[in-house]
Amino acid sequence: MLEAKKIGKHLLSKRLCACINIFDGMKSAYFWPPKTDTLEEASETILLVKTLDHTFEGIEKEVSALHSSDTPCLISIPVTHVSKKYFEWIKGEID
């Protein structure tokens, strides 16, 4: 969780996002190393970054530089609806 908090605060300080949420204690399962039959299980922390589409490349660069993993999971989830006031707040914090 400390790493997620550090990265999240860094992204906020760079104005690459308006808000972060941290979900600790998530359970993951995946094959690692890639293309093997070795099933790994781990506890992870999810850092949800609320931002705008045009900041993705900057976020990817910053997270890649700070994250302890050489393959951090960075996924953009399109939002189809957001309240106008919330959207304006996000834009005001980033732009």
N, C-alpha and C. Protein backbone atom coordinates (compact mmCIF):
# COMPACT_ATOMS: atom_id res chain seq x y z
N MET A 1 0.82 -1.19 0.00
CA MET A 1 0.00 0.00 0.00
C MET A 1 0.87 1.26 0.00
N LEU A 2 2.03 1.20 0.62
CA LEU A 2 2.90 2.36 0.66
C LEU A 2 3.33 2.81 -0.73
N GLU A 3 3.60 1.82 -1.60
CA GLU A 3 4.01 2.16 -2.96
C GLU A 3 2.87 2.84 -3.72
N ALA A 4 1.66 2.34 -3.58
CA ALA A 4 0.50 2.94 -4.24
C ALA A 4 0.28 4.37 -3.74
N LYS A 5 0.42 4.57 -2.45
CA LYS A 5 0.24 5.90 -1.88
C LYS A 5 1.31 6.86 -2.41
N LYS A 6 2.55 6.39 -2.46
CA LYS A 6 3.66 7.21 -2.96
C LYS A 6 3.42 7.59 -4.43
N ILE A 7 3.07 6.61 -5.24
CA ILE A 7 2.83 6.86 -6.67
C ILE A 7 1.63 7.78 -6.85
N GLY A 8 0.55 7.50 -6.13
CA GLY A 8 -0.65 8.32 -6.24
C GLY A 8 -0.40 9.77 -5.87
N LYS A 9 0.30 10.01 -4.78
CA LYS A 9 0.60 11.38 -4.38
C LYS A 9 1.51 12.06 -5.40
N HIS A 10 2.41 11.30 -5.99
CA HIS A 10 3.29 11.85 -7.03
C HIS A 10 2.46 12.29 -8.24
N LEU A 11 1.52 11.44 -8.67
CA LEU A 11 0.67 11.79 -9.82
C LEU A 11 -0.18 13.02 -9.52
N LEU A 12 -0.68 13.10 -8.29
CA LEU A 12 -1.45 14.29 -7.89
C LEU A 12 -0.58 15.53 -7.92
N SER A 13 0.64 15.43 -7.40
CA SER A 13 1.52 16.60 -7.35
C SER A 13 1.90 17.09 -8.74
N LYS A 14 1.94 16.19 -9.71
CA LYS A 14 2.25 16.56 -11.10
C LYS A 14 1.00 17.01 -11.85
N ARG A 15 -0.17 17.00 -11.17
CA ARG A 15 -1.46 17.38 -11.76
C ARG A 15 -1.81 16.50 -12.96
N LEU A 16 -1.41 15.21 -12.88
CA LEU A 16 -1.79 14.25 -13.91
C LEU A 16 -3.13 13.61 -13.62
N CYS A 17 -3.65 13.84 -12.43
CA CYS A 17 -4.96 13.30 -12.05
C CYS A 17 -5.59 14.25 -11.03
N ALA A 18 -6.88 14.05 -10.81
CA ALA A 18 -7.60 14.88 -9.86
C ALA A 18 -7.82 14.17 -8.54
N CYS A 19 -7.81 12.84 -8.55
CA CYS A 19 -8.15 12.07 -7.37
C CYS A 19 -7.58 10.67 -7.51
N ILE A 20 -7.22 10.06 -6.38
CA ILE A 20 -6.80 8.66 -6.38
C ILE A 20 -7.61 7.90 -5.34
N ASN A 21 -7.78 6.61 -5.56
CA ASN A 21 -8.36 5.71 -4.57
C ASN A 21 -7.43 4.51 -4.45
N ILE A 22 -7.23 4.03 -3.23
CA ILE A 22 -6.34 2.89 -3.00
C ILE A 22 -7.15 1.75 -2.40
N PHE A 23 -7.10 0.60 -3.07
CA PHE A 23 -7.77 -0.62 -2.62
C PHE A 23 -6.69 -1.62 -2.23
N ASP A 24 -6.52 -1.85 -0.96
CA ASP A 24 -5.47 -2.76 -0.48
C ASP A 24 -6.04 -4.16 -0.27
N GLY A 25 -5.16 -5.15 -0.34
CA GLY A 25 -5.55 -6.52 -0.03
C GLY A 25 -6.24 -7.27 -1.15
N MET A 26 -6.05 -6.85 -2.38
CA MET A 26 -6.64 -7.55 -3.52
C MET A 26 -5.87 -8.85 -3.74
N LYS A 27 -6.53 -9.88 -4.17
CA LYS A 27 -5.90 -11.18 -4.46
C LYS A 27 -5.84 -11.37 -5.97
N SER A 28 -4.66 -11.77 -6.45
CA SER A 28 -4.45 -11.97 -7.88
C SER A 28 -3.92 -13.37 -8.14
N ALA A 29 -4.21 -13.89 -9.31
CA ALA A 29 -3.64 -15.15 -9.78
C ALA A 29 -3.31 -14.97 -11.25
N TYR A 30 -2.13 -15.47 -11.65
CA TYR A 30 -1.65 -15.28 -13.02
C TYR A 30 -0.50 -16.25 -13.28
N PHE A 31 -0.23 -16.48 -14.54
CA PHE A 31 0.91 -17.31 -14.92
C PHE A 31 2.16 -16.42 -14.97
N TRP A 32 3.21 -16.85 -14.24
CA TRP A 32 4.47 -16.10 -14.24
C TRP A 32 5.62 -17.04 -14.01
N PRO A 33 6.68 -16.94 -14.76
CA PRO A 33 6.91 -16.01 -15.85
C PRO A 33 5.95 -16.28 -17.01
N PRO A 34 5.84 -15.31 -17.92
CA PRO A 34 4.92 -15.46 -19.06
C PRO A 34 5.21 -16.73 -19.86
N LYS A 35 4.17 -17.26 -20.45
CA LYS A 35 4.24 -18.44 -21.34
C LYS A 35 4.68 -19.70 -20.60
N THR A 36 4.43 -19.76 -19.29
CA THR A 36 4.74 -20.97 -18.53
C THR A 36 3.45 -21.50 -17.92
N ASP A 37 3.55 -22.64 -17.28
CA ASP A 37 2.40 -23.21 -16.58
C ASP A 37 2.50 -22.98 -15.08
N THR A 38 3.34 -22.04 -14.66
CA THR A 38 3.51 -21.76 -13.24
C THR A 38 2.48 -20.72 -12.81
N LEU A 39 1.54 -21.16 -11.98
CA LEU A 39 0.48 -20.27 -11.51
C LEU A 39 0.94 -19.58 -10.22
N GLU A 40 0.98 -18.29 -10.26
CA GLU A 40 1.37 -17.47 -9.11
C GLU A 40 0.11 -16.87 -8.48
N GLU A 41 0.16 -16.69 -7.18
CA GLU A 41 -0.88 -15.98 -6.46
C GLU A 41 -0.22 -14.90 -5.62
N ALA A 42 -0.87 -13.76 -5.54
CA ALA A 42 -0.26 -12.65 -4.81
C ALA A 42 -1.33 -11.75 -4.23
N SER A 43 -0.93 -10.99 -3.23
CA SER A 43 -1.74 -9.89 -2.72
C SER A 43 -1.25 -8.63 -3.39
N GLU A 44 -2.17 -7.81 -3.84
CA GLU A 44 -1.81 -6.59 -4.53
C GLU A 44 -2.64 -5.42 -4.01
N THR A 45 -2.20 -4.24 -4.35
CA THR A 45 -2.94 -3.03 -4.05
C THR A 45 -3.31 -2.37 -5.37
N ILE A 46 -4.55 -1.98 -5.51
CA ILE A 46 -5.00 -1.30 -6.72
C ILE A 46 -5.01 0.20 -6.46
N LEU A 47 -4.38 0.92 -7.37
CA LEU A 47 -4.42 2.38 -7.34
C LEU A 47 -5.32 2.83 -8.49
N LEU A 48 -6.46 3.39 -8.14
CA LEU A 48 -7.39 3.91 -9.14
C LEU A 48 -7.10 5.40 -9.30
N VAL A 49 -6.82 5.81 -10.52
CA VAL A 49 -6.44 7.20 -10.81
C VAL A 49 -7.54 7.84 -11.64
N LYS A 50 -8.15 8.87 -11.12
CA LYS A 50 -9.23 9.55 -11.83
C LYS A 50 -8.62 10.73 -12.59
N THR A 51 -8.73 10.65 -13.91
CA THR A 51 -8.03 11.60 -14.76
C THR A 51 -8.76 11.76 -16.08
N LEU A 52 -8.08 12.39 -17.04
CA LEU A 52 -8.60 12.57 -18.39
C LEU A 52 -7.75 11.77 -19.36
N ASP A 53 -8.31 11.43 -20.50
CA ASP A 53 -7.66 10.57 -21.48
C ASP A 53 -6.27 11.05 -21.89
N HIS A 54 -6.11 12.34 -22.07
CA HIS A 54 -4.83 12.85 -22.60
C HIS A 54 -3.66 12.74 -21.62
N THR A 55 -3.91 12.36 -20.37
CA THR A 55 -2.82 12.25 -19.40
C THR A 55 -2.23 10.84 -19.33
N PHE A 56 -2.80 9.88 -20.07
CA PHE A 56 -2.37 8.48 -19.93
C PHE A 56 -0.87 8.30 -20.17
N GLU A 57 -0.34 8.88 -21.23
CA GLU A 57 1.09 8.69 -21.52
C GLU A 57 1.97 9.24 -20.41
N GLY A 58 1.61 10.38 -19.85
CA GLY A 58 2.38 10.94 -18.74
C GLY A 58 2.30 10.08 -17.50
N ILE A 59 1.10 9.55 -17.23
CA ILE A 59 0.93 8.65 -16.09
C ILE A 59 1.74 7.38 -16.29
N GLU A 60 1.68 6.83 -17.50
CA GLU A 60 2.45 5.61 -17.80
C GLU A 60 3.95 5.85 -17.57
N LYS A 61 4.45 6.97 -18.01
CA LYS A 61 5.87 7.30 -17.84
C LYS A 61 6.23 7.40 -16.36
N GLU A 62 5.44 8.12 -15.59
CA GLU A 62 5.72 8.32 -14.17
C GLU A 62 5.61 7.02 -13.37
N VAL A 63 4.55 6.25 -13.62
CA VAL A 63 4.37 4.99 -12.90
C VAL A 63 5.49 4.02 -13.24
N SER A 64 5.86 3.93 -14.51
CA SER A 64 6.94 3.03 -14.92
C SER A 64 8.26 3.39 -14.24
N ALA A 65 8.49 4.68 -14.02
CA ALA A 65 9.72 5.12 -13.37
C ALA A 65 9.72 4.83 -11.87
N LEU A 66 8.54 4.84 -11.24
CA LEU A 66 8.45 4.71 -9.78
C LEU A 66 8.11 3.31 -9.29
N HIS A 67 7.44 2.52 -10.10
CA HIS A 67 6.91 1.23 -9.65
C HIS A 67 8.02 0.19 -9.49
N SER A 68 7.89 -0.66 -8.50
CA SER A 68 8.91 -1.69 -8.23
C SER A 68 8.85 -2.84 -9.24
N SER A 69 7.74 -2.99 -9.92
CA SER A 69 7.60 -4.04 -10.93
C SER A 69 8.02 -3.51 -12.30
N ASP A 70 8.63 -4.35 -13.10
CA ASP A 70 8.96 -3.91 -14.46
C ASP A 70 7.76 -4.06 -15.39
N THR A 71 6.66 -4.64 -14.89
CA THR A 71 5.44 -4.81 -15.68
C THR A 71 4.21 -4.37 -14.86
N PRO A 72 4.15 -3.08 -14.47
CA PRO A 72 2.96 -2.66 -13.71
C PRO A 72 1.72 -2.68 -14.60
N CYS A 73 0.60 -2.97 -14.00
CA CYS A 73 -0.66 -3.02 -14.74
C CYS A 73 -1.21 -1.60 -14.86
N LEU A 74 -1.24 -1.10 -16.08
CA LEU A 74 -1.81 0.21 -16.36
C LEU A 74 -2.91 0.02 -17.39
N ILE A 75 -4.15 0.26 -16.97
CA ILE A 75 -5.31 0.04 -17.83
C ILE A 75 -6.18 1.30 -17.82
N SER A 76 -6.58 1.74 -18.99
CA SER A 76 -7.50 2.85 -19.11
C SER A 76 -8.90 2.28 -19.30
N ILE A 77 -9.82 2.67 -18.44
CA ILE A 77 -11.20 2.21 -18.52
C ILE A 77 -12.06 3.38 -19.00
N PRO A 78 -12.63 3.26 -20.20
CA PRO A 78 -13.44 4.37 -20.70
C PRO A 78 -14.68 4.61 -19.83
N VAL A 79 -14.98 5.87 -19.63
CA VAL A 79 -16.16 6.27 -18.86
C VAL A 79 -17.19 6.79 -19.85
N THR A 80 -18.38 6.22 -19.80
CA THR A 80 -19.42 6.65 -20.74
C THR A 80 -20.30 7.76 -20.19
N HIS A 81 -20.38 7.86 -18.87
CA HIS A 81 -21.19 8.90 -18.26
C HIS A 81 -20.49 9.41 -17.00
N VAL A 82 -20.56 10.72 -16.80
CA VAL A 82 -20.05 11.34 -15.58
C VAL A 82 -20.85 12.62 -15.35
N SER A 83 -21.11 12.92 -14.10
CA SER A 83 -21.86 14.14 -13.83
C SER A 83 -21.07 15.36 -14.28
N LYS A 84 -21.75 16.36 -14.76
CA LYS A 84 -21.10 17.55 -15.30
C LYS A 84 -20.23 18.24 -14.25
N LYS A 85 -20.75 18.37 -13.03
CA LYS A 85 -19.99 19.04 -11.98
C LYS A 85 -18.69 18.28 -11.66
N TYR A 86 -18.78 16.96 -11.60
CA TYR A 86 -17.59 16.16 -11.29
C TYR A 86 -16.58 16.26 -12.42
N PHE A 87 -17.05 16.19 -13.66
CA PHE A 87 -16.17 16.30 -14.82
C PHE A 87 -15.47 17.65 -14.84
N GLU A 88 -16.21 18.71 -14.58
CA GLU A 88 -15.63 20.05 -14.55
C GLU A 88 -14.58 20.16 -13.45
N TRP A 89 -14.83 19.54 -12.31
CA TRP A 89 -13.86 19.54 -11.21
C TRP A 89 -12.57 18.84 -11.65
N ILE A 90 -12.70 17.67 -12.27
CA ILE A 90 -11.52 16.95 -12.74
C ILE A 90 -10.74 17.80 -13.74
N LYS A 91 -11.43 18.36 -14.72
CA LYS A 91 -10.76 19.20 -15.72
C LYS A 91 -10.04 20.37 -15.05
N GLY A 92 -10.68 20.97 -14.07
CA GLY A 92 -10.08 22.11 -13.37
C GLY A 92 -8.83 21.75 -12.60
N GLU A 93 -8.77 20.53 -12.09
CA GLU A 93 -7.60 20.10 -11.34
C GLU A 93 -6.43 19.72 -12.24
N ILE A 94 -6.73 19.28 -13.46
CA ILE A 94 -5.69 18.78 -14.36
C ILE A 94 -5.23 19.85 -15.35
N ASP A 95 -6.16 20.52 -15.98
CA ASP A 95 -5.80 21.48 -17.04
C ASP A 95 -5.38 22.83 -16.45
